[in-house]
Amino acid sequence: MDKKILFVTTSLHTKWEKYSQGLIKKYYPNSKRLIVDGTKDWYPLKFLKEVFNYDSDYIIHIDEDCFLLDPNQLNEIVEFLENNEDYL
């Protein structure tokens, strides 16, 4: 995929973060990953301030206990969005 994707995880720094981030790195090695500390002063959109510092086509907020096992599904979603501007 030639789109610039930023994966954002608000993390409590559990053991699951390592596994989740490892799968993202495996399937999207050229994408940026941003981990936001969710242990202090957390609020639902805390990560928004930080994402504006990145140049990306898509920002994907993914929990630290969410595991990207089939990257083709995500690729299909991005392709769908690219072909259906009503959703952008």
C-alpha atoms as a PDB file:
ATOM      1  CA  MET A   1       0.000   0.000   0.000  1.00  0.00           C
ATOM      2  CA  ASP A   2       1.390   3.380  -0.943  1.00  0.00           C
ATOM      3  CA  LYS A   3      -0.683   5.452   1.498  1.00  0.00           C
ATOM      4  CA  LYS A   4       0.974   7.061   4.498  1.00  0.00           C
ATOM      5  CA  ILE A   5      -0.676   5.599   7.577  1.00  0.00           C
ATOM      6  CA  LEU A   6      -0.169   6.739  11.140  1.00  0.00           C
ATOM      7  CA  PHE A   7      -1.146   4.141  13.731  1.00  0.00           C
ATOM      8  CA  VAL A   8      -1.985   5.744  17.069  1.00  0.00           C
ATOM      9  CA  THR A   9      -2.263   3.780  20.294  1.00  0.00           C
ATOM     10  CA  THR A  10      -3.300   5.261  23.609  1.00  0.00           C
ATOM     11  CA  SER A  11      -1.525   2.903  25.957  1.00  0.00           C
ATOM     12  CA  LEU A  12      -1.547   1.862  29.588  1.00  0.00           C
ATOM     13  CA  HIS A  13       1.747   0.101  28.775  1.00  0.00           C
ATOM     14  CA  THR A  14       0.464  -3.426  29.269  1.00  0.00           C
ATOM     15  CA  LYS A  15       2.134  -6.519  27.843  1.00  0.00           C
ATOM     16  CA  TRP A  16      -0.386  -6.473  24.987  1.00  0.00           C
ATOM     17  CA  GLU A  17       1.093  -3.281  23.562  1.00  0.00           C
ATOM     18  CA  LYS A  18       4.243  -5.142  22.527  1.00  0.00           C
ATOM     19  CA  TYR A  19       2.277  -7.785  20.625  1.00  0.00           C
ATOM     20  CA  SER A  20      -0.051  -5.297  18.965  1.00  0.00           C
ATOM     21  CA  GLN A  21       2.765  -2.989  17.913  1.00  0.00           C
ATOM     22  CA  GLY A  22       4.802  -5.941  16.651  1.00  0.00           C
ATOM     23  CA  LEU A  23       2.027  -6.950  14.268  1.00  0.00           C
ATOM     24  CA  ILE A  24       1.638  -3.396  12.980  1.00  0.00           C
ATOM     25  CA  LYS A  25       5.385  -3.168  12.415  1.00  0.00           C
ATOM     26  CA  LYS A  26       5.378  -6.549  10.653  1.00  0.00           C
ATOM     27  CA  TYR A  27       2.561  -5.743   8.229  1.00  0.00           C
ATOM     28  CA  TYR A  28       3.162  -2.001   7.817  1.00  0.00           C
ATOM     29  CA  PRO A  29       6.929  -1.529   8.281  1.00  0.00           C
ATOM     30  CA  ASN A  30       6.976   1.857   6.533  1.00  0.00           C
ATOM     31  CA  SER A  31       4.130   3.344   8.533  1.00  0.00           C
ATOM     32  CA  LYS A  32       4.589   5.582  11.531  1.00  0.00           C
ATOM     33  CA  ARG A  33       3.446   4.455  14.968  1.00  0.00           C
ATOM     34  CA  LEU A  34       2.626   6.839  17.774  1.00  0.00           C
ATOM     35  CA  ILE A  35       2.107   5.626  21.320  1.00  0.00           C
ATOM     36  CA  VAL A  36       0.358   8.099  23.597  1.00  0.00           C
ATOM     37  CA  ASP A  37       0.651   7.634  27.358  1.00  0.00           C
ATOM     38  CA  GLY A  38      -2.809   6.868  28.678  1.00  0.00           C
ATOM     39  CA  THR A  39      -1.746   6.546  32.309  1.00  0.00           C
ATOM     40  CA  LYS A  40      -1.790  10.267  33.140  1.00  0.00           C
ATOM     41  CA  ASP A  41      -4.296  13.012  32.438  1.00  0.00           C
ATOM     42  CA  TRP A  42      -6.151  10.744  30.007  1.00  0.00           C
ATOM     43  CA  TYR A  43      -9.202  11.883  28.074  1.00  0.00           C
ATOM     44  CA  PRO A  44     -10.733  10.280  24.950  1.00  0.00           C
ATOM     45  CA  LEU A  45      -9.206  12.617  22.370  1.00  0.00           C
ATOM     46  CA  LYS A  46      -5.849  13.182  24.045  1.00  0.00           C
ATOM     47  CA  PHE A  47      -4.011  11.803  21.016  1.00  0.00           C
ATOM     48  CA  LEU A  48      -5.417  14.456  18.658  1.00  0.00           C
ATOM     49  CA  LYS A  49      -2.931  17.156  19.637  1.00  0.00           C
ATOM     50  CA  GLU A  50      -0.041  14.907  18.723  1.00  0.00           C
ATOM     51  CA  VAL A  51      -1.268  13.550  15.384  1.00  0.00           C
ATOM     52  CA  PHE A  52      -1.164  16.982  13.782  1.00  0.00           C
ATOM     53  CA  ASN A  53       2.637  16.796  13.922  1.00  0.00           C
ATOM     54  CA  TYR A  54       2.618  13.927  11.409  1.00  0.00           C
ATOM     55  CA  ASP A  55       2.152  13.881   7.662  1.00  0.00           C
ATOM     56  CA  SER A  56      -0.247  11.047   6.897  1.00  0.00           C
ATOM     57  CA  ASP A  57      -3.067  10.106   4.574  1.00  0.00           C
ATOM     58  CA  TYR A  58      -4.857   8.061   7.223  1.00  0.00           C
ATOM     59  CA  ILE A  59      -4.785   7.981  10.997  1.00  0.00           C
ATOM     60  CA  ILE A  60      -5.805   4.710  12.578  1.00  0.00           C
ATOM     61  CA  HIS A  61      -6.460   4.696  16.302  1.00  0.00           C
ATOM     62  CA  ILE A  62      -5.805   1.153  17.482  1.00  0.00           C
ATOM     63  CA  ASP A  63      -6.028  -0.064  21.060  1.00  0.00           C
ATOM     64  CA  GLU A  64      -3.017  -1.744  22.599  1.00  0.00           C
ATOM     65  CA  ASP A  65      -5.033  -4.952  22.934  1.00  0.00           C
ATOM     66  CA  CYS A  66      -6.195  -4.961  19.322  1.00  0.00           C
ATOM     67  CA  PHE A  67      -4.273  -7.339  17.098  1.00  0.00           C
ATOM     68  CA  LEU A  68      -4.010  -6.767  13.357  1.00  0.00           C
ATOM     69  CA  LEU A  69      -4.026 -10.366  12.144  1.00  0.00           C
ATOM     70  CA  ASP A  70      -5.187  -9.839   8.567  1.00  0.00           C
ATOM     71  CA  PRO A  71      -3.747  -6.702   6.977  1.00  0.00           C
ATOM     72  CA  ASN A  72      -5.769  -7.335   3.828  1.00  0.00           C
ATOM     73  CA  GLN A  73      -8.919  -6.333   5.696  1.00  0.00           C
ATOM     74  CA  LEU A  74      -7.418  -2.990   6.618  1.00  0.00           C
ATOM     75  CA  ASN A  75      -6.121  -2.526   3.074  1.00  0.00           C
ATOM     76  CA  GLU A  76      -9.637  -3.151   1.764  1.00  0.00           C
ATOM     77  CA  ILE A  77     -11.061  -0.489   4.086  1.00  0.00           C
ATOM     78  CA  VAL A  78      -8.494   2.055   2.917  1.00  0.00           C
ATOM     79  CA  GLU A  79      -9.165   1.126  -0.709  1.00  0.00           C
ATOM     80  CA  PHE A  80     -12.905   1.523  -0.098  1.00  0.00           C
ATOM     81  CA  LEU A  81     -12.340   4.979   1.389  1.00  0.00           C
ATOM     82  CA  GLU A  82     -10.136   5.948  -1.542  1.00  0.00           C
ATOM     83  CA  ASN A  83     -12.888   4.962  -3.975  1.00  0.00           C
ATOM     84  CA  ASN A  84     -15.785   6.504  -2.065  1.00  0.00           C
ATOM     85  CA  GLU A  85     -15.064  10.141  -1.363  1.00  0.00           C
ATOM     86  CA  ASP A  86     -18.415  10.530   0.426  1.00  0.00           C
ATOM     87  CA  TYR A  87     -16.794   8.859   3.445  1.00  0.00           C
ATOM     88  CA  LEU A  88     -13.775  11.158   3.621  1.00  0.00           C
END
